[in-house]
Structures are given as structure tokens and as C-alpha cells.
Amino acid sequence: MTSPLEVTANVFNAGSIVLAGRNSIHTWWTGIVGCALFAVLFFRTQLYADALLQLFFVGSSAVGWVRWHTRRDARGAAPAVRPIQRTPPALFAAALTGALAVVAVHAWLLRRFTDAFAPWPDALVLTLSLLGQLLLVGRRIETWWCWLAVNTIAIPLYFARGLTVTALLYVAFLVNAFISLRHWRAKLGT
């Protein structure tokens, strides 16, 4: 059954995504509220890695909010935007291997010390989201492959916990990741 908490968390997070697409600074405070609510929701539904991930997103949203208040140079010009890049294959392979090792450790910890509902998918969503976020900060095109994987895993996980509205939001995130990958590829010229 959908709770008011789930609906409110989804409204704030969907709003944050729309505002991000419009390049609005308000994306950050709405993201902070939405992710904080998701943290509570996921904790209550025994998705502890997802709850922890939301705390990371709260922190990274706070950093984003501060960074978007960046001062302009003496001429009033905005800082240059970093171009979209590819991650060198060896570096991406190393990062992915490291992420999978973290998944194994985190899933083991969840299984051993908590009553987590689905330790492996929960740990995958957490770890691949962290990797995706780091790649996004660096404007690396591989970020979208991470988000495609995260959303593909998260959708059935959230449906299984009865978080229907959240699962549907992640369907929208999946569609967004496909569109964004295509858009970034076009900008990169591939």
C-alpha cells in the first residue's frame, strides 16, 4: 500500500529532476528534501543500503547547491563547463571491479548483521549509484550505463517491497537514462 511518505518523497524527487533539467538551483533543496524522505522510507522497508545511498545524495545535493552559487570571475563571466568525456577503458574497468568488490562486502555485511530484505540487489543499487554519481560529476558518458543498471535493478526491488510509486518513478529514471545516454553520445560525436 502506498503511504503518504512514499508519495511525498516521489513528488520532491520528481520535482528535483524536472528542475535539474531546467538548470534551476531549486533542484538542490528539493533533492535534499526528497532524498531525506526516501532515506526514512527505505529504512522502514528494510532497504538499508538504499537508505544509506539517500544520505549520500543529501550530502552531494548540498555540495551541488553550494557549487551552483559559484562566484563569477572579475568580468562577470561564468566558469567554463567541463566537456563530456569518455573514461579510459582501463580506468573504467578498474572502477567497476572495485565497485563489484564493494558490492560483495556490503551485501555480506547486510546479510550478516541486518534483516535486509534483499542484500545483493540493495548493495548493487547503492554501489553502482555511487559510481554513477562520481562519473556524472566528471561528466563521463559511462555514468548513463551505471544509471541504466541501477534503474533496471531498482525497479523490481521496489515493486517487491510494495513501493509501487517509487518503482514507477524509477521506470521514468530508466527512460531518462536512455534519453540522456543518446543525448550525451550526440554531443560527444559518437
C-alpha atoms as a PDB file:
ATOM      1  CA  MET A   1       0.000   0.000   0.000  1.00  0.00           C
ATOM      2  CA  THR A   2       1.303   3.421  -0.955  1.00  0.00           C
ATOM      3  CA  SER A   3       1.984   5.670   2.021  1.00  0.00           C
ATOM      4  CA  PRO A   4       1.908   9.464   2.223  1.00  0.00           C
ATOM      5  CA  LEU A   5       5.654   9.307   2.917  1.00  0.00           C
ATOM      6  CA  GLU A   6       6.307   7.447  -0.353  1.00  0.00           C
ATOM      7  CA  VAL A   7       4.136   9.832  -2.366  1.00  0.00           C
ATOM      8  CA  THR A   8       5.775  12.920  -0.829  1.00  0.00           C
ATOM      9  CA  ALA A   9       9.305  11.556  -1.380  1.00  0.00           C
ATOM     10  CA  ASN A  10       8.475  10.829  -5.014  1.00  0.00           C
ATOM     11  CA  VAL A  11       6.911  14.246  -5.604  1.00  0.00           C
ATOM     12  CA  PHE A  12      10.005  16.028  -4.286  1.00  0.00           C
ATOM     13  CA  ASN A  13      12.407  13.795  -6.231  1.00  0.00           C
ATOM     14  CA  ALA A  14      10.438  14.068  -9.473  1.00  0.00           C
ATOM     15  CA  GLY A  15      10.351  17.847  -8.978  1.00  0.00           C
ATOM     16  CA  SER A  16      14.085  17.865  -8.405  1.00  0.00           C
ATOM     17  CA  ILE A  17      14.678  16.045 -11.696  1.00  0.00           C
ATOM     18  CA  VAL A  18      12.437  18.453 -13.624  1.00  0.00           C
ATOM     19  CA  LEU A  19      14.216  21.432 -12.028  1.00  0.00           C
ATOM     20  CA  ALA A  20      17.624  19.929 -12.855  1.00  0.00           C
ATOM     21  CA  GLY A  21      16.565  19.649 -16.493  1.00  0.00           C
ATOM     22  CA  ARG A  22      15.659  23.343 -16.389  1.00  0.00           C
ATOM     23  CA  ASN A  23      19.029  24.210 -14.824  1.00  0.00           C
ATOM     24  CA  SER A  24      17.320  25.646 -11.736  1.00  0.00           C
ATOM     25  CA  ILE A  25      19.158  25.960  -8.450  1.00  0.00           C
ATOM     26  CA  HIS A  26      15.941  24.815  -6.766  1.00  0.00           C
ATOM     27  CA  THR A  27      16.810  21.283  -7.902  1.00  0.00           C
ATOM     28  CA  TRP A  28      19.147  21.036  -4.907  1.00  0.00           C
ATOM     29  CA  TRP A  29      16.826  21.833  -1.998  1.00  0.00           C
ATOM     30  CA  THR A  30      14.028  19.733  -3.483  1.00  0.00           C
ATOM     31  CA  GLY A  31      16.510  16.901  -3.942  1.00  0.00           C
ATOM     32  CA  ILE A  32      17.642  17.215  -0.330  1.00  0.00           C
ATOM     33  CA  VAL A  33      14.056  17.009   0.942  1.00  0.00           C
ATOM     34  CA  GLY A  34      13.131  14.152  -1.392  1.00  0.00           C
ATOM     35  CA  CYS A  35      16.225  12.095  -0.624  1.00  0.00           C
ATOM     36  CA  ALA A  36      15.859  12.622   3.126  1.00  0.00           C
ATOM     37  CA  LEU A  37      12.283  11.338   2.883  1.00  0.00           C
ATOM     38  CA  PHE A  38      13.437   8.395   0.763  1.00  0.00           C
ATOM     39  CA  ALA A  39      16.055   7.576   3.412  1.00  0.00           C
ATOM     40  CA  VAL A  40      13.306   7.215   6.014  1.00  0.00           C
ATOM     41  CA  LEU A  41      11.103   5.231   3.616  1.00  0.00           C
ATOM     42  CA  PHE A  42      13.849   2.809   2.629  1.00  0.00           C
ATOM     43  CA  PHE A  43      14.922   2.296   6.233  1.00  0.00           C
ATOM     44  CA  ARG A  44      11.349   1.437   7.194  1.00  0.00           C
ATOM     45  CA  THR A  45      11.131  -1.096   4.332  1.00  0.00           C
ATOM     46  CA  GLN A  46      14.439  -2.759   5.263  1.00  0.00           C
ATOM     47  CA  LEU A  47      16.356  -1.464   2.237  1.00  0.00           C
ATOM     48  CA  TYR A  48      19.270  -0.243   4.319  1.00  0.00           C
ATOM     49  CA  ALA A  49      21.780   0.253   1.522  1.00  0.00           C
ATOM     50  CA  ASP A  50      19.226   2.376  -0.322  1.00  0.00           C
ATOM     51  CA  ALA A  51      18.632   4.393   2.847  1.00  0.00           C
ATOM     52  CA  LEU A  52      22.378   4.984   3.150  1.00  0.00           C
ATOM     53  CA  LEU A  53      22.549   5.955  -0.515  1.00  0.00           C
ATOM     54  CA  GLN A  54      19.917   8.632   0.035  1.00  0.00           C
ATOM     55  CA  LEU A  55      22.079  10.166   2.761  1.00  0.00           C
ATOM     56  CA  PHE A  56      24.917  10.325   0.218  1.00  0.00           C
ATOM     57  CA  PHE A  57      22.555  12.072  -2.205  1.00  0.00           C
ATOM     58  CA  VAL A  58      21.531  14.554   0.501  1.00  0.00           C
ATOM     59  CA  GLY A  59      25.210  15.388   1.013  1.00  0.00           C
ATOM     60  CA  SER A  60      26.009  15.603  -2.694  1.00  0.00           C
ATOM     61  CA  SER A  61      22.949  17.823  -3.210  1.00  0.00           C
ATOM     62  CA  ALA A  62      24.235  20.164  -0.501  1.00  0.00           C
ATOM     63  CA  VAL A  63      27.590  20.298  -2.322  1.00  0.00           C
ATOM     64  CA  GLY A  64      25.778  20.927  -5.620  1.00  0.00           C
ATOM     65  CA  TRP A  65      23.779  23.747  -4.047  1.00  0.00           C
ATOM     66  CA  VAL A  66      26.982  25.415  -2.849  1.00  0.00           C
ATOM     67  CA  ARG A  67      28.768  24.863  -6.173  1.00  0.00           C
ATOM     68  CA  TRP A  68      25.911  26.386  -8.144  1.00  0.00           C
ATOM     69  CA  HIS A  69      26.434  29.537  -6.098  1.00  0.00           C
ATOM     70  CA  THR A  70      29.921  29.775  -7.645  1.00  0.00           C
ATOM     71  CA  ARG A  71      31.208  33.308  -7.921  1.00  0.00           C
ATOM     72  CA  ARG A  72      31.769  34.727 -11.354  1.00  0.00           C
ATOM     73  CA  ASP A  73      35.171  35.982 -12.415  1.00  0.00           C
ATOM     74  CA  ALA A  74      36.152  39.689 -12.396  1.00  0.00           C
ATOM     75  CA  ARG A  75      34.498  40.239 -15.808  1.00  0.00           C
ATOM     76  CA  GLY A  76      31.268  38.623 -14.581  1.00  0.00           C
ATOM     77  CA  ALA A  77      31.734  35.557 -16.776  1.00  0.00           C
ATOM     78  CA  ALA A  78      30.593  32.146 -15.593  1.00  0.00           C
ATOM     79  CA  PRO A  79      33.202  29.406 -15.181  1.00  0.00           C
ATOM     80  CA  ALA A  80      33.711  27.168 -18.233  1.00  0.00           C
ATOM     81  CA  VAL A  81      31.663  23.980 -18.347  1.00  0.00           C
ATOM     82  CA  ARG A  82      33.660  20.769 -18.440  1.00  0.00           C
ATOM     83  CA  PRO A  83      33.032  18.872 -21.692  1.00  0.00           C
ATOM     84  CA  ILE A  84      31.532  15.387 -21.833  1.00  0.00           C
ATOM     85  CA  GLN A  85      34.314  12.799 -21.874  1.00  0.00           C
ATOM     86  CA  ARG A  86      34.896   9.075 -22.104  1.00  0.00           C
ATOM     87  CA  THR A  87      36.576   7.279 -19.227  1.00  0.00           C
ATOM     88  CA  PRO A  88      39.701   5.406 -20.333  1.00  0.00           C
ATOM     89  CA  PRO A  89      38.700   1.712 -20.600  1.00  0.00           C
ATOM     90  CA  ALA A  90      41.329   0.520 -18.095  1.00  0.00           C
ATOM     91  CA  LEU A  91      40.202   3.103 -15.529  1.00  0.00           C
ATOM     92  CA  PHE A  92      36.521   2.244 -16.012  1.00  0.00           C
ATOM     93  CA  ALA A  93      37.287  -1.492 -15.723  1.00  0.00           C
ATOM     94  CA  ALA A  94      39.219  -0.855 -12.502  1.00  0.00           C
ATOM     95  CA  ALA A  95      36.405   1.292 -11.097  1.00  0.00           C
ATOM     96  CA  LEU A  96      33.803  -1.334 -11.987  1.00  0.00           C
ATOM     97  CA  THR A  97      35.908  -4.123 -10.471  1.00  0.00           C
ATOM     98  CA  GLY A  98      36.336  -2.084  -7.292  1.00  0.00           C
ATOM     99  CA  ALA A  99      32.601  -1.374  -7.201  1.00  0.00           C
ATOM    100  CA  LEU A 100      31.774  -5.077  -7.512  1.00  0.00           C
ATOM    101  CA  ALA A 101      34.154  -5.861  -4.645  1.00  0.00           C
ATOM    102  CA  VAL A 102      32.356  -3.247  -2.541  1.00  0.00           C
ATOM    103  CA  VAL A 103      29.034  -4.841  -3.509  1.00  0.00           C
ATOM    104  CA  ALA A 104      30.226  -8.226  -2.253  1.00  0.00           C
ATOM    105  CA  VAL A 105      31.411  -6.818   1.076  1.00  0.00           C
ATOM    106  CA  HIS A 106      28.342  -4.663   1.570  1.00  0.00           C
ATOM    107  CA  ALA A 107      25.933  -7.496   0.691  1.00  0.00           C
ATOM    108  CA  TRP A 108      27.738  -9.785   3.137  1.00  0.00           C
ATOM    109  CA  LEU A 109      27.513  -7.143   5.883  1.00  0.00           C
ATOM    110  CA  LEU A 110      23.817  -6.598   5.213  1.00  0.00           C
ATOM    111  CA  ARG A 111      23.123 -10.340   5.262  1.00  0.00           C
ATOM    112  CA  ARG A 112      25.222 -10.955   8.358  1.00  0.00           C
ATOM    113  CA  PHE A 113      24.236  -8.012  10.551  1.00  0.00           C
ATOM    114  CA  THR A 114      20.785  -6.837   9.446  1.00  0.00           C
ATOM    115  CA  ASP A 115      17.380  -8.130   8.484  1.00  0.00           C
ATOM    116  CA  ALA A 116      17.786  -6.659   4.989  1.00  0.00           C
ATOM    117  CA  PHE A 117      15.139  -7.804   2.522  1.00  0.00           C
ATOM    118  CA  ALA A 118      17.457  -8.255  -0.490  1.00  0.00           C
ATOM    119  CA  PRO A 119      21.115  -7.692   0.386  1.00  0.00           C
ATOM    120  CA  TRP A 120      22.602  -8.258  -3.079  1.00  0.00           C
ATOM    121  CA  PRO A 121      20.264  -6.044  -5.143  1.00  0.00           C
ATOM    122  CA  ASP A 122      20.268  -3.449  -2.345  1.00  0.00           C
ATOM    123  CA  ALA A 123      24.085  -3.381  -2.336  1.00  0.00           C
ATOM    124  CA  LEU A 124      24.211  -3.216  -6.152  1.00  0.00           C
ATOM    125  CA  VAL A 125      21.869  -0.221  -6.247  1.00  0.00           C
ATOM    126  CA  LEU A 126      23.964   1.543  -3.608  1.00  0.00           C
ATOM    127  CA  THR A 127      27.374   0.900  -5.123  1.00  0.00           C
ATOM    128  CA  LEU A 128      26.509   1.430  -8.771  1.00  0.00           C
ATOM    129  CA  SER A 129      24.707   4.654  -7.818  1.00  0.00           C
ATOM    130  CA  LEU A 130      27.841   5.917  -6.084  1.00  0.00           C
ATOM    131  CA  LEU A 131      29.911   5.060  -9.162  1.00  0.00           C
ATOM    132  CA  GLY A 132      27.309   6.662 -11.427  1.00  0.00           C
ATOM    133  CA  GLN A 133      27.269   9.835  -9.344  1.00  0.00           C
ATOM    134  CA  LEU A 134      31.070  10.104  -9.397  1.00  0.00           C
ATOM    135  CA  LEU A 135      31.095   9.633 -13.172  1.00  0.00           C
ATOM    136  CA  LEU A 136      28.349  12.238 -13.520  1.00  0.00           C
ATOM    137  CA  VAL A 137      30.342  14.794 -11.533  1.00  0.00           C
ATOM    138  CA  GLY A 138      33.200  14.245 -14.020  1.00  0.00           C
ATOM    139  CA  ARG A 139      30.787  14.460 -16.983  1.00  0.00           C
ATOM    140  CA  ARG A 140      31.759  10.967 -18.097  1.00  0.00           C
ATOM    141  CA  ILE A 141      29.421   9.329 -20.583  1.00  0.00           C
ATOM    142  CA  GLU A 142      29.713   5.991 -18.744  1.00  0.00           C
ATOM    143  CA  THR A 143      27.560   7.477 -15.985  1.00  0.00           C
ATOM    144  CA  TRP A 144      24.479   6.595 -18.038  1.00  0.00           C
ATOM    145  CA  TRP A 145      25.450   2.920 -18.264  1.00  0.00           C
ATOM    146  CA  CYS A 146      25.611   2.882 -14.453  1.00  0.00           C
ATOM    147  CA  TRP A 147      22.204   4.554 -14.163  1.00  0.00           C
ATOM    148  CA  LEU A 148      20.711   2.081 -16.655  1.00  0.00           C
ATOM    149  CA  ALA A 149      21.967  -0.781 -14.468  1.00  0.00           C
ATOM    150  CA  VAL A 150      20.816   0.876 -11.234  1.00  0.00           C
ATOM    151  CA  ASN A 151      17.319   1.524 -12.528  1.00  0.00           C
ATOM    152  CA  THR A 152      16.984  -1.966 -14.012  1.00  0.00           C
ATOM    153  CA  ILE A 153      17.822  -3.482 -10.605  1.00  0.00           C
ATOM    154  CA  ALA A 154      15.855  -0.970  -8.527  1.00  0.00           C
ATOM    155  CA  ILE A 155      12.517  -1.279 -10.355  1.00  0.00           C
ATOM    156  CA  PRO A 156      11.774  -4.914  -9.413  1.00  0.00           C
ATOM    157  CA  LEU A 157      13.344  -4.412  -5.972  1.00  0.00           C
ATOM    158  CA  TYR A 158      10.978  -1.571  -5.137  1.00  0.00           C
ATOM    159  CA  PHE A 159       7.968  -3.390  -6.601  1.00  0.00           C
ATOM    160  CA  ALA A 160       8.857  -6.388  -4.389  1.00  0.00           C
ATOM    161  CA  ARG A 161       8.742  -4.167  -1.283  1.00  0.00           C
ATOM    162  CA  GLY A 162       5.381  -2.696  -2.270  1.00  0.00           C
ATOM    163  CA  LEU A 163       6.885   0.679  -3.208  1.00  0.00           C
ATOM    164  CA  THR A 164       4.844   0.955  -6.391  1.00  0.00           C
ATOM    165  CA  VAL A 165       5.056   4.724  -6.806  1.00  0.00           C
ATOM    166  CA  THR A 166       8.826   4.618  -6.287  1.00  0.00           C
ATOM    167  CA  ALA A 167       9.216   1.748  -8.746  1.00  0.00           C
ATOM    168  CA  LEU A 168       7.270   3.743 -11.329  1.00  0.00           C
ATOM    169  CA  LEU A 169       9.498   6.763 -10.698  1.00  0.00           C
ATOM    170  CA  TYR A 170      12.498   4.528 -11.390  1.00  0.00           C
ATOM    171  CA  VAL A 171      10.861   3.451 -14.660  1.00  0.00           C
ATOM    172  CA  ALA A 172      10.892   7.160 -15.557  1.00  0.00           C
ATOM    173  CA  PHE A 173      14.538   7.337 -14.412  1.00  0.00           C
ATOM    174  CA  LEU A 174      15.306   4.371 -16.716  1.00  0.00           C
ATOM    175  CA  VAL A 175      13.720   6.151 -19.677  1.00  0.00           C
ATOM    176  CA  ASN A 176      15.623   9.320 -18.731  1.00  0.00           C
ATOM    177  CA  ALA A 177      18.912   7.383 -18.637  1.00  0.00           C
ATOM    178  CA  PHE A 178      18.313   6.037 -22.175  1.00  0.00           C
ATOM    179  CA  ILE A 179      17.455   9.510 -23.478  1.00  0.00           C
ATOM    180  CA  SER A 180      20.419  11.092 -21.664  1.00  0.00           C
ATOM    181  CA  LEU A 181      22.862   8.481 -22.982  1.00  0.00           C
ATOM    182  CA  ARG A 182      21.661   9.169 -26.505  1.00  0.00           C
ATOM    183  CA  HIS A 183      21.859  12.935 -25.973  1.00  0.00           C
ATOM    184  CA  TRP A 184      25.375  12.774 -24.492  1.00  0.00           C
ATOM    185  CA  ARG A 185      26.561  10.476 -27.293  1.00  0.00           C
ATOM    186  CA  ALA A 186      25.338  13.016 -29.837  1.00  0.00           C
ATOM    187  CA  LYS A 187      27.171  15.825 -28.017  1.00  0.00           C
ATOM    188  CA  LEU A 188      30.308  13.681 -27.870  1.00  0.00           C
ATOM    189  CA  GLY A 189      30.004  12.929 -31.580  1.00  0.00           C
ATOM    190  CA  THR A 190      29.725   9.133 -31.351  1.00  0.00           C
END
